Amino acid sequence: MNELNNEKNSTFYAMISRMKYINRWALMRNSYPENLSEHSLEVGMIAHALALISNKRFGNNLNAERAAVIGMYHDSTEIITGDMPTPIKYYNKDTKDAYKNVERQAAEELLSLLPEYLREEYVSIFFREEDEEYIWKLVKAADRLSAYIKCVEEEKAGNKEFGSAKAAVYEKLTQMDLPEVRVFFQEFMEGYKKTLDELR
């Protein structure tokens, strides 16, 4: 079978697979490394959970699977841009706006690697649409919850390096004022502080 089929091979998924080579928390001393692929899977899972909580506890009708997919791809542009430390990324409005522009260009570059017949399906995964604003907000919350969990796990390993980051992430989560996040904290966060034997 001719694998080329007279069409140009797409490198999109091969590029996406390189998320595992992007390490997070570059300015911090880590007790264990966390790569972008691991983080993105966790964000997808938590975004899925938040959407389900929103539906089951607060009577909404969100597409939880959609939230999961957006979560999986939410940081994929960092394959091109690298993981910019948060204090630098949000240093001031000019820096923030410039980085947003770089992110948009990176997203467009990734989309260009897809064959035409798939590209349209991914546009709304990389660029938010107005009718999905709340799902994107939950994905952002899931991103911050994943960061908070990383801080909890580092503290559990005896690493004090993440104390300030934990407090800062918690403040941002509180400012989002999302009932789904409160439920996640109340019902699930304590488990991340337990040992394997305690979890079972």
C-alpha atoms as a PDB file:
ATOM      1  CA  MET A   1       0.000   0.000   0.000  1.00  0.00           C
ATOM      2  CA  ASN A   2       1.340   3.393  -0.964  1.00  0.00           C
ATOM      3  CA  GLU A   3       1.449   5.419   2.279  1.00  0.00           C
ATOM      4  CA  LEU A   4       1.855   8.694   0.441  1.00  0.00           C
ATOM      5  CA  ASN A   5      -1.240   8.307  -1.747  1.00  0.00           C
ATOM      6  CA  ASN A   6       0.082  11.193  -3.847  1.00  0.00           C
ATOM      7  CA  GLU A   7      -0.648  13.650  -1.025  1.00  0.00           C
ATOM      8  CA  LYS A   8       1.731  15.539   1.173  1.00  0.00           C
ATOM      9  CA  ASN A   9       2.299  13.886   4.532  1.00  0.00           C
ATOM     10  CA  SER A  10       0.997  15.903   7.483  1.00  0.00           C
ATOM     11  CA  THR A  11       3.345  16.525  10.404  1.00  0.00           C
ATOM     12  CA  PHE A  12       0.637  17.849  12.781  1.00  0.00           C
ATOM     13  CA  TYR A  13       0.348  14.852  15.097  1.00  0.00           C
ATOM     14  CA  ALA A  14       4.104  14.287  15.103  1.00  0.00           C
ATOM     15  CA  MET A  15       4.501  17.901  16.237  1.00  0.00           C
ATOM     16  CA  ILE A  16       1.815  17.501  18.900  1.00  0.00           C
ATOM     17  CA  SER A  17       3.591  14.400  20.214  1.00  0.00           C
ATOM     18  CA  ARG A  18       6.587  16.628  21.018  1.00  0.00           C
ATOM     19  CA  MET A  19       4.699  18.120  23.951  1.00  0.00           C
ATOM     20  CA  LYS A  20       6.435  15.445  26.016  1.00  0.00           C
ATOM     21  CA  TYR A  21       9.764  17.220  25.432  1.00  0.00           C
ATOM     22  CA  ILE A  22       8.587  20.570  26.878  1.00  0.00           C
ATOM     23  CA  ASN A  23       9.293  20.726  30.603  1.00  0.00           C
ATOM     24  CA  ARG A  24       7.203  22.978  32.834  1.00  0.00           C
ATOM     25  CA  TRP A  25       8.188  25.011  35.902  1.00  0.00           C
ATOM     26  CA  ALA A  26      11.618  25.772  34.429  1.00  0.00           C
ATOM     27  CA  LEU A  27      12.527  28.382  37.059  1.00  0.00           C
ATOM     28  CA  MET A  28      11.645  26.109  39.975  1.00  0.00           C
ATOM     29  CA  ARG A  29      13.556  23.315  41.686  1.00  0.00           C
ATOM     30  CA  ASN A  30      11.339  20.289  41.056  1.00  0.00           C
ATOM     31  CA  SER A  31      11.333  17.075  43.055  1.00  0.00           C
ATOM     32  CA  TYR A  32      10.146  15.444  39.838  1.00  0.00           C
ATOM     33  CA  PRO A  33       9.836  16.937  36.328  1.00  0.00           C
ATOM     34  CA  GLU A  34       6.482  17.600  34.700  1.00  0.00           C
ATOM     35  CA  ASN A  35       6.251  17.784  30.935  1.00  0.00           C
ATOM     36  CA  LEU A  36       3.615  19.507  28.833  1.00  0.00           C
ATOM     37  CA  SER A  37       2.085  16.236  27.655  1.00  0.00           C
ATOM     38  CA  GLU A  38       1.444  15.088  31.237  1.00  0.00           C
ATOM     39  CA  HIS A  39       0.021  18.467  32.168  1.00  0.00           C
ATOM     40  CA  SER A  40      -2.261  18.601  29.124  1.00  0.00           C
ATOM     41  CA  LEU A  41      -3.733  15.178  29.826  1.00  0.00           C
ATOM     42  CA  GLU A  42      -4.450  16.196  33.419  1.00  0.00           C
ATOM     43  CA  VAL A  43      -6.029  19.477  32.293  1.00  0.00           C
ATOM     44  CA  GLY A  44      -8.234  17.570  29.833  1.00  0.00           C
ATOM     45  CA  MET A  45      -9.359  15.179  32.564  1.00  0.00           C
ATOM     46  CA  ILE A  46     -10.061  17.956  35.072  1.00  0.00           C
ATOM     47  CA  ALA A  47     -11.868  20.104  32.464  1.00  0.00           C
ATOM     48  CA  HIS A  48     -14.043  17.073  31.697  1.00  0.00           C
ATOM     49  CA  ALA A  49     -14.771  16.681  35.422  1.00  0.00           C
ATOM     50  CA  LEU A  50     -15.612  20.380  35.861  1.00  0.00           C
ATOM     51  CA  ALA A  51     -18.041  20.269  32.934  1.00  0.00           C
ATOM     52  CA  LEU A  52     -19.732  17.175  34.386  1.00  0.00           C
ATOM     53  CA  ILE A  53     -19.954  18.864  37.797  1.00  0.00           C
ATOM     54  CA  SER A  54     -21.459  21.903  36.073  1.00  0.00           C
ATOM     55  CA  ASN A  55     -24.091  19.727  34.403  1.00  0.00           C
ATOM     56  CA  LYS A  56     -24.929  17.430  37.306  1.00  0.00           C
ATOM     57  CA  ARG A  57     -24.734  19.876  40.205  1.00  0.00           C
ATOM     58  CA  PHE A  58     -25.689  23.188  38.611  1.00  0.00           C
ATOM     59  CA  GLY A  59     -28.114  22.216  35.837  1.00  0.00           C
ATOM     60  CA  ASN A  60     -25.986  23.267  32.885  1.00  0.00           C
ATOM     61  CA  ASN A  61     -25.744  21.477  29.558  1.00  0.00           C
ATOM     62  CA  LEU A  62     -22.070  21.615  28.637  1.00  0.00           C
ATOM     63  CA  ASN A  63     -20.257  19.234  26.309  1.00  0.00           C
ATOM     64  CA  ALA A  64     -17.826  17.594  28.735  1.00  0.00           C
ATOM     65  CA  GLU A  65     -15.985  15.723  25.977  1.00  0.00           C
ATOM     66  CA  ARG A  66     -15.462  19.001  24.162  1.00  0.00           C
ATOM     67  CA  ALA A  67     -13.993  20.505  27.342  1.00  0.00           C
ATOM     68  CA  ALA A  68     -11.629  17.539  27.600  1.00  0.00           C
ATOM     69  CA  VAL A  69     -10.361  17.959  24.028  1.00  0.00           C
ATOM     70  CA  ILE A  70      -9.832  21.703  24.399  1.00  0.00           C
ATOM     71  CA  GLY A  71      -7.949  20.957  27.616  1.00  0.00           C
ATOM     72  CA  MET A  72      -5.727  18.425  25.859  1.00  0.00           C
ATOM     73  CA  TYR A  73      -4.655  21.006  23.267  1.00  0.00           C
ATOM     74  CA  HIS A  74      -4.794  24.161  25.434  1.00  0.00           C
ATOM     75  CA  ASP A  75      -0.997  24.597  25.654  1.00  0.00           C
ATOM     76  CA  SER A  76       0.037  22.901  22.419  1.00  0.00           C
ATOM     77  CA  THR A  77       1.417  26.172  21.016  1.00  0.00           C
ATOM     78  CA  GLU A  78       4.235  25.841  23.565  1.00  0.00           C
ATOM     79  CA  ILE A  79       5.771  23.230  21.255  1.00  0.00           C
ATOM     80  CA  ILE A  80       6.777  26.263  19.190  1.00  0.00           C
ATOM     81  CA  THR A  81       7.012  29.012  21.827  1.00  0.00           C
ATOM     82  CA  GLY A  82       8.377  26.963  24.723  1.00  0.00           C
ATOM     83  CA  ASP A  83       6.996  27.259  28.258  1.00  0.00           C
ATOM     84  CA  MET A  84       7.227  30.929  29.175  1.00  0.00           C
ATOM     85  CA  PRO A  85       7.399  31.371  32.978  1.00  0.00           C
ATOM     86  CA  THR A  86       4.227  33.047  34.285  1.00  0.00           C
ATOM     87  CA  PRO A  87       5.990  36.047  35.930  1.00  0.00           C
ATOM     88  CA  ILE A  88       7.511  36.920  32.560  1.00  0.00           C
ATOM     89  CA  LYS A  89       4.432  36.166  30.476  1.00  0.00           C
ATOM     90  CA  TYR A  90       2.251  38.491  32.571  1.00  0.00           C
ATOM     91  CA  TYR A  91       4.921  41.036  33.537  1.00  0.00           C
ATOM     92  CA  ASN A  92       2.919  43.913  32.046  1.00  0.00           C
ATOM     93  CA  LYS A  93       0.235  44.549  29.438  1.00  0.00           C
ATOM     94  CA  ASP A  94       2.724  44.972  26.584  1.00  0.00           C
ATOM     95  CA  THR A  95       4.444  41.667  27.400  1.00  0.00           C
ATOM     96  CA  LYS A  96       1.104  39.893  27.785  1.00  0.00           C
ATOM     97  CA  ASP A  97      -0.234  41.256  24.470  1.00  0.00           C
ATOM     98  CA  ALA A  98       3.001  40.398  22.647  1.00  0.00           C
ATOM     99  CA  TYR A  99       2.928  36.840  23.971  1.00  0.00           C
ATOM    100  CA  LYS A 100      -0.744  36.459  22.995  1.00  0.00           C
ATOM    101  CA  ASN A 101       0.221  37.479  19.465  1.00  0.00           C
ATOM    102  CA  VAL A 102       3.062  34.937  19.397  1.00  0.00           C
ATOM    103  CA  GLU A 103       0.650  32.258  20.684  1.00  0.00           C
ATOM    104  CA  ARG A 104      -1.823  33.069  17.911  1.00  0.00           C
ATOM    105  CA  GLN A 105       0.891  32.791  15.263  1.00  0.00           C
ATOM    106  CA  ALA A 106       2.033  29.476  16.747  1.00  0.00           C
ATOM    107  CA  ALA A 107      -1.550  28.171  16.680  1.00  0.00           C
ATOM    108  CA  GLU A 108      -1.914  29.182  13.040  1.00  0.00           C
ATOM    109  CA  GLU A 109       1.362  27.444  12.234  1.00  0.00           C
ATOM    110  CA  LEU A 110       0.197  24.219  13.906  1.00  0.00           C
ATOM    111  CA  LEU A 111      -3.132  24.368  12.073  1.00  0.00           C
ATOM    112  CA  SER A 112      -1.300  24.806   8.768  1.00  0.00           C
ATOM    113  CA  LEU A 113       0.303  21.386   9.314  1.00  0.00           C
ATOM    114  CA  LEU A 114      -3.078  19.667   9.094  1.00  0.00           C
ATOM    115  CA  PRO A 115      -4.535  18.488   5.789  1.00  0.00           C
ATOM    116  CA  GLU A 116      -7.285  20.753   4.487  1.00  0.00           C
ATOM    117  CA  TYR A 117     -10.083  18.283   5.227  1.00  0.00           C
ATOM    118  CA  LEU A 118      -9.249  18.241   8.984  1.00  0.00           C
ATOM    119  CA  ARG A 119      -8.180  21.833   9.536  1.00  0.00           C
ATOM    120  CA  GLU A 120     -11.649  23.277  10.031  1.00  0.00           C
ATOM    121  CA  GLU A 121     -12.360  20.736  12.793  1.00  0.00           C
ATOM    122  CA  TYR A 122      -9.408  22.037  14.825  1.00  0.00           C
ATOM    123  CA  VAL A 123      -9.886  25.787  14.448  1.00  0.00           C
ATOM    124  CA  SER A 124     -12.365  25.942  17.334  1.00  0.00           C
ATOM    125  CA  ILE A 125     -10.015  23.838  19.497  1.00  0.00           C
ATOM    126  CA  PHE A 126      -7.234  26.395  19.069  1.00  0.00           C
ATOM    127  CA  PHE A 127      -9.391  29.547  18.925  1.00  0.00           C
ATOM    128  CA  ARG A 128     -12.338  30.069  21.266  1.00  0.00           C
ATOM    129  CA  GLU A 129     -15.821  30.695  19.954  1.00  0.00           C
ATOM    130  CA  GLU A 130     -18.311  32.974  21.711  1.00  0.00           C
ATOM    131  CA  ASP A 131     -20.895  30.258  22.377  1.00  0.00           C
ATOM    132  CA  GLU A 132     -18.254  28.169  24.194  1.00  0.00           C
ATOM    133  CA  GLU A 133     -16.994  30.915  26.499  1.00  0.00           C
ATOM    134  CA  TYR A 134     -17.950  29.030  29.672  1.00  0.00           C
ATOM    135  CA  ILE A 135     -16.253  25.813  28.542  1.00  0.00           C
ATOM    136  CA  TRP A 136     -13.045  27.786  27.903  1.00  0.00           C
ATOM    137  CA  LYS A 137     -13.372  29.337  31.354  1.00  0.00           C
ATOM    138  CA  LEU A 138     -13.586  25.848  32.876  1.00  0.00           C
ATOM    139  CA  VAL A 139     -10.529  24.778  30.867  1.00  0.00           C
ATOM    140  CA  LYS A 140      -8.633  27.760  32.297  1.00  0.00           C
ATOM    141  CA  ALA A 141      -9.766  26.716  35.767  1.00  0.00           C
ATOM    142  CA  ALA A 142      -8.615  23.153  35.041  1.00  0.00           C
ATOM    143  CA  ASP A 143      -5.225  24.525  33.960  1.00  0.00           C
ATOM    144  CA  ARG A 144      -4.898  26.341  37.288  1.00  0.00           C
ATOM    145  CA  LEU A 145      -6.140  23.328  39.254  1.00  0.00           C
ATOM    146  CA  SER A 146      -3.451  21.216  37.576  1.00  0.00           C
ATOM    147  CA  ALA A 147      -0.839  23.803  38.604  1.00  0.00           C
ATOM    148  CA  TYR A 148      -2.218  23.806  42.161  1.00  0.00           C
ATOM    149  CA  ILE A 149      -2.054  20.000  42.259  1.00  0.00           C
ATOM    150  CA  LYS A 150       1.583  20.137  41.137  1.00  0.00           C
ATOM    151  CA  CYS A 151       2.302  22.495  44.068  1.00  0.00           C
ATOM    152  CA  VAL A 152       0.503  20.162  46.504  1.00  0.00           C
ATOM    153  CA  GLU A 153       2.459  17.159  45.236  1.00  0.00           C
ATOM    154  CA  GLU A 154       5.772  19.016  45.484  1.00  0.00           C
ATOM    155  CA  GLU A 155       4.951  20.023  49.064  1.00  0.00           C
ATOM    156  CA  LYS A 156       4.025  16.411  49.829  1.00  0.00           C
ATOM    157  CA  ALA A 157       7.503  15.433  48.587  1.00  0.00           C
ATOM    158  CA  GLY A 158       9.039  17.888  51.073  1.00  0.00           C
ATOM    159  CA  ASN A 159       9.862  20.582  48.517  1.00  0.00           C
ATOM    160  CA  LYS A 160       9.188  24.085  49.916  1.00  0.00           C
ATOM    161  CA  GLU A 161      10.006  25.745  46.588  1.00  0.00           C
ATOM    162  CA  PHE A 162       6.347  25.746  45.513  1.00  0.00           C
ATOM    163  CA  GLY A 163       4.812  27.446  48.568  1.00  0.00           C
ATOM    164  CA  SER A 164       4.457  30.897  47.012  1.00  0.00           C
ATOM    165  CA  ALA A 165       3.268  29.464  43.692  1.00  0.00           C
ATOM    166  CA  LYS A 166       0.600  27.451  45.507  1.00  0.00           C
ATOM    167  CA  ALA A 167      -0.731  30.556  47.265  1.00  0.00           C
ATOM    168  CA  ALA A 168      -0.717  32.584  44.020  1.00  0.00           C
ATOM    169  CA  VAL A 169      -2.537  29.877  42.045  1.00  0.00           C
ATOM    170  CA  TYR A 170      -5.104  29.457  44.823  1.00  0.00           C
ATOM    171  CA  GLU A 171      -5.789  33.204  44.800  1.00  0.00           C
ATOM    172  CA  LYS A 172      -6.360  33.135  41.031  1.00  0.00           C
ATOM    173  CA  LEU A 173      -8.721  30.181  41.385  1.00  0.00           C
ATOM    174  CA  THR A 174     -10.632  32.010  44.118  1.00  0.00           C
ATOM    175  CA  GLN A 175     -10.925  35.118  41.938  1.00  0.00           C
ATOM    176  CA  MET A 176     -12.527  33.033  39.174  1.00  0.00           C
ATOM    177  CA  ASP A 177     -15.437  32.437  41.587  1.00  0.00           C
ATOM    178  CA  LEU A 178     -16.592  29.228  39.865  1.00  0.00           C
ATOM    179  CA  PRO A 179     -18.920  26.888  41.787  1.00  0.00           C
ATOM    180  CA  GLU A 180     -17.466  23.923  39.883  1.00  0.00           C
ATOM    181  CA  VAL A 181     -14.004  24.711  41.267  1.00  0.00           C
ATOM    182  CA  ARG A 182     -15.384  24.909  44.808  1.00  0.00           C
ATOM    183  CA  VAL A 183     -16.950  21.467  44.406  1.00  0.00           C
ATOM    184  CA  PHE A 184     -13.690  20.063  43.033  1.00  0.00           C
ATOM    185  CA  PHE A 185     -11.815  21.387  46.058  1.00  0.00           C
ATOM    186  CA  GLN A 186     -14.411  20.104  48.511  1.00  0.00           C
ATOM    187  CA  GLU A 187     -14.805  16.632  47.021  1.00  0.00           C
ATOM    188  CA  PHE A 188     -11.554  15.753  45.251  1.00  0.00           C
ATOM    189  CA  MET A 189      -8.568  17.890  46.252  1.00  0.00           C
ATOM    190  CA  GLU A 190      -7.891  16.131  49.553  1.00  0.00           C
ATOM    191  CA  GLY A 191      -7.041  12.935  47.664  1.00  0.00           C
ATOM    192  CA  TYR A 192      -3.963  14.546  46.133  1.00  0.00           C
ATOM    193  CA  LYS A 193      -2.451  14.900  49.605  1.00  0.00           C
ATOM    194  CA  LYS A 194      -2.714  11.186  50.378  1.00  0.00           C
ATOM    195  CA  THR A 195      -0.231   8.347  49.871  1.00  0.00           C
ATOM    196  CA  LEU A 196      -1.012   5.431  47.561  1.00  0.00           C
ATOM    197  CA  ASP A 197      -2.006   3.236  50.500  1.00  0.00           C
ATOM    198  CA  GLU A 198      -4.294   5.945  51.854  1.00  0.00           C
ATOM    199  CA  LEU A 199      -5.951   6.355  48.432  1.00  0.00           C
ATOM    200  CA  ARG A 200      -6.837   2.676  48.368  1.00  0.00           C
END
